[in-house]
Amino acid sequence: MKNIHLLAMLAGGLLAPVCLPAQAAWTLEQCIHYGLENNIQIKQQALTAGQSANLWQQSKLDFLPSLSARASYNMSWGRSVDLQNLQIIENRLTQSFGPSINASVSLFEGLQKVNTMKRYRADYRAAVEEAEQMRNTVALNITRAFLQVLLAKEVLATAEKSRESILRQHELTRQLVAAGSQPYSTLLEIEAQLASEEVQFITARNNVDLAYLSLRQLINLHAAGSFEIVAPVIDVEVVQRQEVVSSLYASAVRLPQIKRSEFRMESARHALAIAKGRYWPTISLTASYGSYFTEPNGDNVDFAQQLRNNRSPSLNFGLNIPLFQNWSIVTGARNARLSLRMAELELDSGRQELYKEIQQALADASAAYSRYQASEQTVAAMQEAFRYMQEKFDVGLVNTTDYTIAKNNLFKAESDRLQAKYQYVFQTKIIDFYKGMPLTL
């Protein structure tokens, strides 16, 4: 009952409107919280879990006796017989009234109700784990989109820095051409490079807008107005992680996708027990209390006295033995056994898939770290090469084409380094997630 109340509070919170936070910049934690609170699929799954909770609650109430009351009132016209005087009476109105109250309870039915209650409990827990898995998936997607915004903003900063460098070089070249130190064709080539840098800058700025749009859509932020994120300090200058797949898997088996499959297998096991319970006889107890009134009656007894005189309490024990049901019970048990086997295979498949995902995550993290380390060295080499090319270009020892190639190579190396950096950060967050750590930067 406590779990049902908690679920009801969760569903109520998910269905309630969420106000737009007033802060100017959003952290990753705030984006995840807002996204989880406003995701339609998560709300739908919470309602599905609520339905499962209701079924579980009803299965417990099914142990209570059933109670019903009924009353009938009949009127008839035509010939009637006066039994006291042994004569036929023409066109007489005959009335009768019969109230009764009935109660019944099942004493034994092969433990079907017990197993039904356990099955619905497992179904409810599986639905809760399904909702939690959906929340984890949304949180990981938001984390990826958040890092994509950070990457796009850093690439934009790099593009802006590159453009400013070309602007300074353009001004210097213009002065050298005016002084006769450089040919006019050099200025034209620098202007062409400046135009290319402008396109590069606009593309990077558009990528920032698109990354923000993707993040907005993931968290379902439809309100108008500015939307900025906090750019945390991300330090990747650390030693590469040495993780063991088996130990990481041991921590990850508590993830919702595994728990959900375990509860589904438990539900299938109880469904098989229910099917087997149909082989057993059922014993029921029924109690009733009723009376009746007729008019006319030979003794001229009034309504209340007739109800007292005609009281008829009864108690009935029923035994039902299934002898032959067209093999439906056998077929149901066979299908339930197959469903249990399917649930077992689903659990095994989920565990194998999780193990493969962990292996892939560790491999991706190692590859991203190696790529980042290599890109660091590449950027350092490209910066030195460009500095040397800049000095030679300023004194006219190299042409504009060589200078442009060096400039573009430096920008590409810096972009590759940023991509490797954020790919490595995201992979480490996935590993932390498998360890049970919260998603944070």
Protein backbone atom coordinates (compact mmCIF):
# COMPACT_ATOMS: atom_id res chain seq x y z
CA MET A 1 0.00 0.00 0.00
CA LYS A 2 2.91 2.33 0.75
CA ASN A 3 4.30 1.82 -2.76
CA ILE A 4 0.90 2.59 -4.24
CA HIS A 5 0.68 5.84 -2.31
CA LEU A 6 4.17 6.83 -3.41
CA LEU A 7 3.29 6.06 -7.02
CA ALA A 8 0.13 8.13 -6.78
CA MET A 9 2.17 11.07 -5.50
CA LEU A 10 4.66 10.58 -8.36
CA ALA A 11 1.94 10.46 -10.98
CA GLY A 12 0.30 13.54 -9.49
CA GLY A 13 3.58 15.41 -9.59
CA LEU A 14 4.23 14.40 -13.17
CA LEU A 15 0.81 15.55 -14.27
CA ALA A 16 1.10 18.89 -12.49
CA PRO A 17 2.27 21.86 -14.56
CA VAL A 18 5.95 22.68 -14.16
CA CYS A 19 6.93 26.32 -14.02
CA LEU A 20 9.85 27.66 -15.99
CA PRO A 21 12.83 28.21 -13.67
CA ALA A 22 13.82 31.78 -13.20
CA GLN A 23 17.59 31.26 -13.40
CA ALA A 24 19.43 32.80 -16.34
CA ALA A 25 21.63 29.75 -16.95
CA TRP A 26 20.77 26.10 -16.50
CA THR A 27 23.01 23.40 -15.08
CA LEU A 28 22.94 19.82 -16.33
CA GLU A 29 21.08 18.75 -13.19
CA GLN A 30 18.39 21.39 -13.75
CA CYS A 31 17.97 20.36 -17.38
CA ILE A 32 17.60 16.71 -16.41
CA HIS A 33 15.10 17.52 -13.66
CA TYR A 34 13.00 19.70 -15.93
CA GLY A 35 13.15 17.17 -18.75
CA LEU A 36 12.04 14.31 -16.51
CA GLU A 37 9.19 16.34 -15.08
CA ASN A 38 7.85 17.26 -18.52
CA ASN A 39 8.40 14.11 -20.57
CA ILE A 40 5.11 12.76 -21.93
CA GLN A 41 6.29 9.16 -22.21
CA ILE A 42 7.39 9.14 -18.57
CA LYS A 43 4.00 10.48 -17.51
CA GLN A 44 2.25 7.81 -19.56
CA GLN A 45 4.38 5.07 -18.00
CA ALA A 46 3.63 6.43 -14.54
CA LEU A 47 -0.08 6.10 -15.29
CA THR A 48 0.49 2.55 -16.57
CA ALA A 49 2.23 1.73 -13.31
CA GLY A 50 -0.74 3.25 -11.49
CA GLN A 51 -3.09 0.89 -13.32
CA SER A 52 -0.90 -2.05 -12.29
CA ALA A 53 -1.04 -0.83 -8.70
CA ASN A 54 -4.83 -0.78 -8.86
CA LEU A 55 -4.92 -4.35 -10.16
CA TRP A 56 -2.61 -5.45 -7.35
CA GLN A 57 -4.83 -3.72 -4.78
CA GLN A 58 -7.96 -5.32 -6.24
CA SER A 59 -6.36 -8.79 -6.15
CA LYS A 60 -5.94 -8.37 -2.38
CA LEU A 61 -9.55 -7.24 -1.99
CA ASP A 62 -10.74 -10.33 -3.88
CA PHE A 63 -10.14 -12.37 -0.72
CA LEU A 64 -13.10 -10.64 0.93
CA PRO A 65 -16.57 -12.24 0.70
CA SER A 66 -18.98 -10.88 -1.88
CA LEU A 67 -22.28 -9.51 -0.62
CA SER A 68 -25.38 -8.71 -2.63
CA ALA A 69 -29.03 -7.93 -2.04
CA ARG A 70 -31.95 -8.39 -4.38
CA ALA A 71 -35.67 -7.89 -4.33
CA SER A 72 -38.40 -8.89 -6.77
CA TYR A 73 -41.97 -7.67 -7.11
CA ASN A 74 -44.44 -9.45 -9.38
CA MET A 75 -47.97 -8.58 -10.49
CA SER A 76 -50.30 -10.82 -12.50
CA TRP A 77 -53.92 -10.64 -13.70
CA GLY A 78 -56.42 -13.30 -14.75
CA ARG A 79 -57.84 -16.43 -13.24
CA SER A 80 -56.61 -17.46 -9.87
CA VAL A 81 -57.50 -20.30 -7.49
CA ASP A 82 -58.67 -19.82 -3.91
CA LEU A 83 -57.01 -22.83 -2.30
CA GLN A 84 -58.86 -22.37 1.00
CA ASN A 85 -62.37 -22.54 -0.54
CA LEU A 86 -61.35 -24.62 -3.59
CA GLN A 87 -62.88 -22.32 -6.11
CA ILE A 88 -61.70 -20.42 -9.16
CA ILE A 89 -61.73 -16.65 -8.93
CA GLU A 90 -62.05 -14.69 -12.14
CA ASN A 91 -59.88 -11.67 -13.06
CA ARG A 92 -58.04 -11.31 -9.83
CA LEU A 93 -54.83 -9.28 -9.22
CA THR A 94 -52.11 -11.36 -7.61
CA GLN A 95 -49.02 -9.68 -6.13
CA SER A 96 -45.84 -11.07 -4.62
CA PHE A 97 -42.69 -9.54 -3.16
CA GLY A 98 -39.50 -11.36 -2.24
CA PRO A 99 -36.40 -9.68 -0.72
CA SER A 100 -33.13 -11.55 -0.09
CA ILE A 101 -29.50 -10.95 0.83
CA ASN A 102 -26.70 -13.24 -0.28
CA ALA A 103 -23.06 -13.66 0.67
CA SER A 104 -20.49 -15.98 -0.87
CA VAL A 105 -16.82 -16.71 -0.30
CA SER A 106 -14.37 -19.03 -1.97
CA LEU A 107 -12.76 -21.35 0.54
CA PHE A 108 -10.32 -23.09 -1.78
CA GLU A 109 -9.58 -22.79 -5.48
CA GLY A 110 -6.09 -24.15 -5.94
CA LEU A 111 -4.42 -21.00 -4.51
CA GLN A 112 -5.40 -19.11 -7.65
CA LYS A 113 -6.20 -15.90 -5.77
CA VAL A 114 -2.95 -16.03 -3.82
CA ASN A 115 -0.92 -16.44 -7.00
CA THR A 116 -2.99 -13.80 -8.78
CA MET A 117 -2.14 -11.32 -6.05
CA LYS A 118 1.58 -12.19 -6.33
CA ARG A 119 1.42 -11.91 -10.10
CA TYR A 120 -0.12 -8.45 -10.05
CA ARG A 121 2.44 -7.37 -7.46
CA ALA A 122 5.23 -8.47 -9.80
CA ASP A 123 3.52 -6.71 -12.73
CA TYR A 124 3.34 -3.49 -10.72
CA ARG A 125 7.01 -3.65 -9.79
CA ALA A 126 7.94 -4.36 -13.40
CA ALA A 127 5.94 -1.29 -14.49
CA VAL A 128 7.76 0.85 -11.92
CA GLU A 129 11.13 -0.39 -13.21
CA GLU A 130 9.96 0.32 -16.77
CA ALA A 131 9.27 3.92 -15.78
CA GLU A 132 12.67 4.18 -14.10
CA GLN A 133 14.41 2.80 -17.19
CA MET A 134 12.64 5.40 -19.30
CA ARG A 135 13.81 8.13 -16.92
CA ASN A 136 17.41 6.88 -17.20
CA THR A 137 17.24 6.89 -21.00
CA VAL A 138 15.89 10.44 -21.06
CA ALA A 139 18.56 11.59 -18.59
CA LEU A 140 21.36 10.11 -20.73
CA ASN A 141 19.95 11.74 -23.87
CA ILE A 142 19.78 15.10 -22.12
CA THR A 143 23.36 14.69 -20.92
CA ARG A 144 24.51 13.97 -24.46
CA ALA A 145 22.62 17.01 -25.80
CA PHE A 146 24.00 19.20 -22.99
CA LEU A 147 27.57 18.18 -23.87
CA GLN A 148 26.80 18.77 -27.54
CA VAL A 149 25.88 22.37 -26.72
CA LEU A 150 29.15 22.80 -24.82
CA LEU A 151 31.06 21.33 -27.77
CA ALA A 152 29.30 23.59 -30.27
CA LYS A 153 30.02 26.67 -28.13
CA GLU A 154 33.72 25.80 -27.87
CA VAL A 155 33.92 25.19 -31.61
CA LEU A 156 32.25 28.58 -32.11
CA ALA A 157 34.81 30.21 -29.83
CA THR A 158 37.60 28.57 -31.82
CA ALA A 159 36.04 29.71 -35.12
CA GLU A 160 35.69 33.25 -33.80
CA LYS A 161 39.31 33.27 -32.67
CA SER A 162 40.38 31.99 -36.08
CA ARG A 163 38.32 34.66 -37.82
CA GLU A 164 39.80 37.41 -35.67
CA SER A 165 43.27 36.14 -36.54
CA ILE A 166 42.47 36.38 -40.24
CA LEU A 167 41.03 39.87 -39.72
CA ARG A 168 44.30 40.99 -38.18
CA GLN A 169 46.23 39.32 -40.96
CA HIS A 170 43.99 40.99 -43.54
CA GLU A 171 44.71 44.41 -42.06
CA LEU A 172 48.45 43.71 -41.99
CA THR A 173 48.42 42.44 -45.58
CA ARG A 174 46.49 45.50 -46.71
CA GLN A 175 49.16 47.72 -45.22
CA LEU A 176 51.97 45.68 -46.80
CA VAL A 177 50.26 45.83 -50.21
CA ALA A 178 49.82 49.57 -49.84
CA ALA A 179 53.52 49.87 -48.99
CA GLY A 180 54.46 47.73 -51.98
CA SER A 181 55.89 44.89 -49.88
CA GLN A 182 53.28 42.38 -51.01
CA PRO A 183 51.51 41.96 -54.36
CA TYR A 184 47.84 42.78 -54.66
CA SER A 185 47.04 39.12 -55.35
CA THR A 186 48.09 38.30 -51.79
CA LEU A 187 45.42 40.65 -50.46
CA LEU A 188 42.82 39.00 -52.68
CA GLU A 189 43.79 35.58 -51.41
CA ILE A 190 43.55 36.76 -47.79
CA GLU A 191 40.12 38.23 -48.49
CA ALA A 192 39.04 34.89 -49.93
CA GLN A 193 40.30 33.19 -46.79
CA LEU A 194 38.47 35.78 -44.69
CA ALA A 195 35.23 34.96 -46.53
CA SER A 196 35.83 31.27 -45.86
CA GLU A 197 36.44 32.03 -42.19
CA GLU A 198 33.18 33.99 -42.08
CA VAL A 199 31.29 31.01 -43.49
CA GLN A 200 33.04 28.79 -40.97
CA PHE A 201 32.03 31.13 -38.14
CA ILE A 202 28.39 31.32 -39.28
CA THR A 203 28.23 27.53 -39.56
CA ALA A 204 29.60 27.16 -36.04
CA ARG A 205 27.08 29.70 -34.74
CA ASN A 206 24.24 27.85 -36.46
CA ASN A 207 25.45 24.62 -34.92
CA VAL A 208 25.16 26.23 -31.49
CA ASP A 209 21.58 27.23 -32.24
CA LEU A 210 20.76 23.75 -33.46
CA ALA A 211 22.35 22.17 -30.38
CA TYR A 212 20.30 24.45 -28.13
CA LEU A 213 17.17 23.57 -30.10
CA SER A 214 17.85 19.86 -29.68
CA LEU A 215 18.33 20.32 -25.92
CA ARG A 216 15.14 22.39 -25.67
CA GLN A 217 13.19 19.68 -27.45
CA LEU A 218 14.58 16.93 -25.24
CA ILE A 219 13.56 18.70 -22.04
CA ASN A 220 10.27 19.88 -23.59
CA LEU A 221 11.02 23.53 -22.96
CA HIS A 222 8.52 25.37 -25.15
CA ALA A 223 8.50 28.70 -23.33
CA ALA A 224 9.79 31.68 -25.27
CA GLY A 225 12.80 33.61 -24.07
CA SER A 226 16.52 33.16 -23.73
CA PHE A 227 17.92 29.81 -22.76
CA GLU A 228 21.51 29.46 -21.68
CA ILE A 229 23.39 26.68 -19.96
CA VAL A 230 26.15 26.80 -17.40
CA ALA A 231 29.51 25.86 -18.87
CA PRO A 232 31.22 23.88 -16.12
CA VAL A 233 34.95 23.41 -15.92
CA ILE A 234 35.58 19.98 -17.42
CA ASP A 235 38.97 18.53 -16.60
CA VAL A 236 39.96 15.59 -18.74
CA GLU A 237 43.61 15.82 -17.88
CA VAL A 238 43.41 12.64 -15.85
CA VAL A 239 44.84 9.18 -16.07
CA GLN A 240 42.83 6.83 -18.21
CA ARG A 241 40.38 4.79 -16.17
CA GLN A 242 41.16 1.14 -15.65
CA GLU A 243 37.79 -0.52 -15.23
CA VAL A 244 37.07 -4.24 -15.07
CA VAL A 245 34.03 -5.41 -17.03
CA SER A 246 32.99 -7.99 -14.44
CA SER A 247 33.04 -5.57 -11.50
CA LEU A 248 31.21 -2.91 -13.49
CA TYR A 249 28.62 -5.48 -14.55
CA ALA A 250 28.14 -6.53 -10.93
CA SER A 251 27.21 -2.93 -10.13
CA ALA A 252 24.99 -2.55 -13.20
CA VAL A 253 22.74 -5.58 -12.67
CA ARG A 254 20.61 -3.46 -10.37
CA LEU A 255 19.61 -1.27 -13.33
CA PRO A 256 15.86 -1.06 -14.09
CA GLN A 257 16.02 -3.01 -17.36
CA ILE A 258 17.33 -6.06 -15.47
CA LYS A 259 14.99 -5.67 -12.50
CA ARG A 260 12.06 -5.28 -14.90
CA SER A 261 12.88 -8.59 -16.61
CA GLU A 262 13.25 -10.28 -13.23
CA PHE A 263 9.80 -9.11 -12.15
CA ARG A 264 8.31 -10.18 -15.48
CA MET A 265 9.77 -13.64 -14.98
CA GLU A 266 8.31 -13.69 -11.47
CA SER A 267 4.92 -12.71 -12.90
CA ALA A 268 5.13 -15.52 -15.47
CA ARG A 269 6.00 -17.99 -12.71
CA HIS A 270 2.87 -17.02 -10.78
CA ALA A 271 0.82 -17.17 -13.98
CA LEU A 272 1.94 -20.79 -14.36
CA ALA A 273 0.90 -21.49 -10.75
CA ILE A 274 -2.52 -19.97 -11.51
CA ALA A 275 -2.90 -22.23 -14.56
CA LYS A 276 -1.96 -25.30 -12.51
CA GLY A 277 -4.42 -24.25 -9.81
CA ARG A 278 -7.28 -24.78 -12.25
CA TYR A 279 -6.68 -28.53 -12.01
CA TRP A 280 -7.80 -28.47 -8.37
CA PRO A 281 -11.40 -28.72 -7.11
CA THR A 282 -12.96 -25.54 -5.76
CA ILE A 283 -14.88 -25.24 -2.53
CA SER A 284 -17.25 -22.33 -1.93
CA LEU A 285 -19.58 -21.21 0.83
CA THR A 286 -22.81 -19.35 0.11
CA ALA A 287 -25.19 -17.94 2.71
CA SER A 288 -28.52 -16.30 2.00
CA TYR A 289 -31.40 -14.86 3.94
CA GLY A 290 -34.75 -14.09 2.34
CA SER A 291 -38.51 -13.98 2.69
CA TYR A 292 -41.60 -13.35 0.58
CA PHE A 293 -45.06 -11.80 0.63
CA THR A 294 -48.12 -12.66 -1.48
CA GLU A 295 -51.43 -10.88 -1.91
CA PRO A 296 -54.11 -12.14 -1.67
CA ASN A 297 -53.44 -14.84 0.88
CA GLY A 298 -55.96 -17.14 2.49
CA ASP A 299 -55.19 -16.13 6.09
CA ASN A 300 -55.32 -12.39 5.45
CA VAL A 301 -51.88 -11.97 7.06
CA ASP A 302 -50.41 -8.49 6.72
CA PHE A 303 -47.17 -7.62 4.89
CA ALA A 304 -44.80 -7.44 7.87
CA GLN A 305 -46.18 -10.64 9.47
CA GLN A 306 -45.81 -12.55 6.21
CA LEU A 307 -42.15 -11.46 5.89
CA ARG A 308 -41.53 -12.70 9.44
CA ASN A 309 -43.37 -15.95 8.89
CA ASN A 310 -41.75 -16.70 5.53
CA ARG A 311 -38.13 -16.17 6.52
CA SER A 312 -35.82 -18.65 4.81
CA PRO A 313 -32.12 -18.55 5.82
CA SER A 314 -29.83 -20.99 4.00
CA LEU A 315 -26.20 -22.08 4.04
CA ASN A 316 -24.64 -23.92 1.14
CA PHE A 317 -21.26 -25.56 0.67
CA GLY A 318 -20.34 -26.14 -2.97
CA LEU A 319 -17.72 -28.47 -4.41
CA ASN A 320 -16.75 -28.21 -8.08
CA ILE A 321 -14.42 -30.84 -9.53
CA PRO A 322 -13.09 -30.16 -13.05
CA LEU A 323 -13.34 -33.48 -14.87
CA PHE A 324 -13.15 -32.49 -18.50
CA GLN A 325 -12.89 -28.94 -19.90
CA ASN A 326 -12.06 -29.67 -23.55
CA TRP A 327 -8.35 -29.65 -22.62
CA SER A 328 -8.54 -25.88 -22.01
CA ILE A 329 -6.89 -26.22 -18.59
CA VAL A 330 -4.08 -28.33 -20.03
CA THR A 331 -3.56 -25.91 -22.92
CA GLY A 332 -3.55 -22.95 -20.53
CA ALA A 333 -0.90 -24.60 -18.37
CA ARG A 334 1.25 -25.37 -21.42
CA ASN A 335 1.05 -21.81 -22.67
CA ALA A 336 1.85 -20.46 -19.20
CA ARG A 337 4.92 -22.71 -19.08
CA LEU A 338 6.02 -21.39 -22.49
CA SER A 339 5.48 -17.80 -21.30
CA LEU A 340 7.70 -18.51 -18.30
CA ARG A 341 10.41 -19.84 -20.57
CA MET A 342 10.12 -16.75 -22.76
CA ALA A 343 10.49 -14.53 -19.68
CA GLU A 344 13.58 -16.48 -18.62
CA LEU A 345 15.10 -16.01 -22.06
CA GLU A 346 14.24 -12.30 -21.96
CA LEU A 347 16.10 -11.99 -18.67
CA ASP A 348 19.13 -13.86 -20.03
CA SER A 349 19.07 -11.72 -23.17
CA GLY A 350 18.88 -8.54 -21.09
CA ARG A 351 21.86 -9.60 -18.99
CA GLN A 352 23.90 -10.47 -22.07
CA GLU A 353 22.97 -7.17 -23.71
CA LEU A 354 23.97 -5.27 -20.60
CA TYR A 355 27.32 -7.07 -20.49
CA LYS A 356 27.93 -6.18 -24.15
CA GLU A 357 26.94 -2.56 -23.53
CA ILE A 358 29.45 -2.33 -20.69
CA GLN A 359 32.16 -3.86 -22.85
CA GLN A 360 31.36 -1.39 -25.62
CA ALA A 361 31.24 1.56 -23.22
CA LEU A 362 34.68 0.72 -21.83
CA ALA A 363 36.09 0.23 -25.33
CA ASP A 364 34.58 3.54 -26.49
CA ALA A 365 35.94 5.33 -23.43
CA SER A 366 39.42 3.92 -24.03
CA ALA A 367 39.29 4.86 -27.72
CA ALA A 368 38.02 8.36 -26.92
CA TYR A 369 40.77 8.86 -24.36
CA SER A 370 43.44 7.73 -26.83
CA ARG A 371 41.96 9.96 -29.49
CA TYR A 372 41.97 12.91 -27.11
CA GLN A 373 45.59 12.32 -26.12
CA ALA A 374 46.59 12.09 -29.79
CA SER A 375 44.60 15.21 -30.67
CA GLU A 376 46.35 17.11 -27.87
CA GLN A 377 49.70 16.32 -29.45
CA THR A 378 48.36 17.15 -32.90
CA VAL A 379 47.10 20.56 -31.78
CA ALA A 380 50.41 21.34 -30.11
CA ALA A 381 52.27 20.42 -33.30
CA MET A 382 49.83 22.36 -35.51
CA GLN A 383 50.08 25.45 -33.31
CA GLU A 384 53.84 25.41 -33.56
CA ALA A 385 53.70 24.81 -37.34
CA PHE A 386 51.22 27.66 -37.78
CA ARG A 387 53.30 30.00 -35.63
CA TYR A 388 56.30 29.24 -37.81
CA MET A 389 54.22 29.68 -40.97
CA GLN A 390 52.84 32.98 -39.63
CA GLU A 391 56.33 34.38 -39.13
CA LYS A 392 57.43 33.34 -42.63
CA PHE A 393 54.23 34.69 -44.19
CA ASP A 394 54.67 38.06 -42.48
CA VAL A 395 58.06 38.51 -44.13
CA GLY A 396 56.88 37.14 -47.49
CA LEU A 397 58.76 33.83 -47.43
CA VAL A 398 55.62 31.72 -48.05
CA ASN A 399 52.59 32.32 -50.21
CA THR A 400 49.00 32.68 -49.14
CA THR A 401 48.09 29.13 -50.14
CA ASP A 402 50.57 27.57 -47.73
CA TYR A 403 49.44 29.96 -45.01
CA THR A 404 45.77 29.08 -45.60
CA ILE A 405 46.47 25.35 -45.51
CA ALA A 406 48.30 25.69 -42.20
CA LYS A 407 45.47 27.82 -40.80
CA ASN A 408 42.81 25.30 -41.82
CA ASN A 409 44.83 22.39 -40.48
CA LEU A 410 45.08 24.11 -37.11
CA PHE A 411 41.34 24.74 -36.95
CA LYS A 412 40.58 21.12 -37.89
CA ALA A 413 42.98 19.84 -35.25
CA GLU A 414 41.40 22.03 -32.58
CA SER A 415 37.90 20.91 -33.60
CA ASP A 416 38.94 17.25 -33.51
CA ARG A 417 40.39 17.76 -30.05
CA LEU A 418 37.16 19.28 -28.78
CA GLN A 419 35.09 16.45 -30.23
CA ALA A 420 37.40 13.85 -28.66
CA LYS A 421 37.23 15.69 -25.35
CA TYR A 422 33.46 15.71 -25.09
CA GLN A 423 33.15 12.19 -26.46
CA TYR A 424 35.46 11.02 -23.69
CA VAL A 425 33.50 12.99 -21.09
CA PHE A 426 30.23 11.44 -22.23
CA GLN A 427 31.69 7.92 -22.16
CA THR A 428 32.92 8.46 -18.61
CA LYS A 429 29.43 9.58 -17.62
CA ILE A 430 28.01 6.35 -19.04
CA ILE A 431 30.51 4.37 -16.97
CA ASP A 432 29.58 6.38 -13.88
CA PHE A 433 25.93 5.66 -14.64
CA TYR A 434 26.61 1.92 -14.67
CA LYS A 435 28.25 2.36 -11.27
CA GLY A 436 25.10 3.95 -9.92
CA MET A 437 26.50 7.49 -9.75
CA PRO A 438 24.28 10.47 -10.62
CA LEU A 439 24.68 12.27 -13.94
CA THR A 440 26.44 15.51 -13.16
CA LEU A 441 29.25 17.71 -14.45
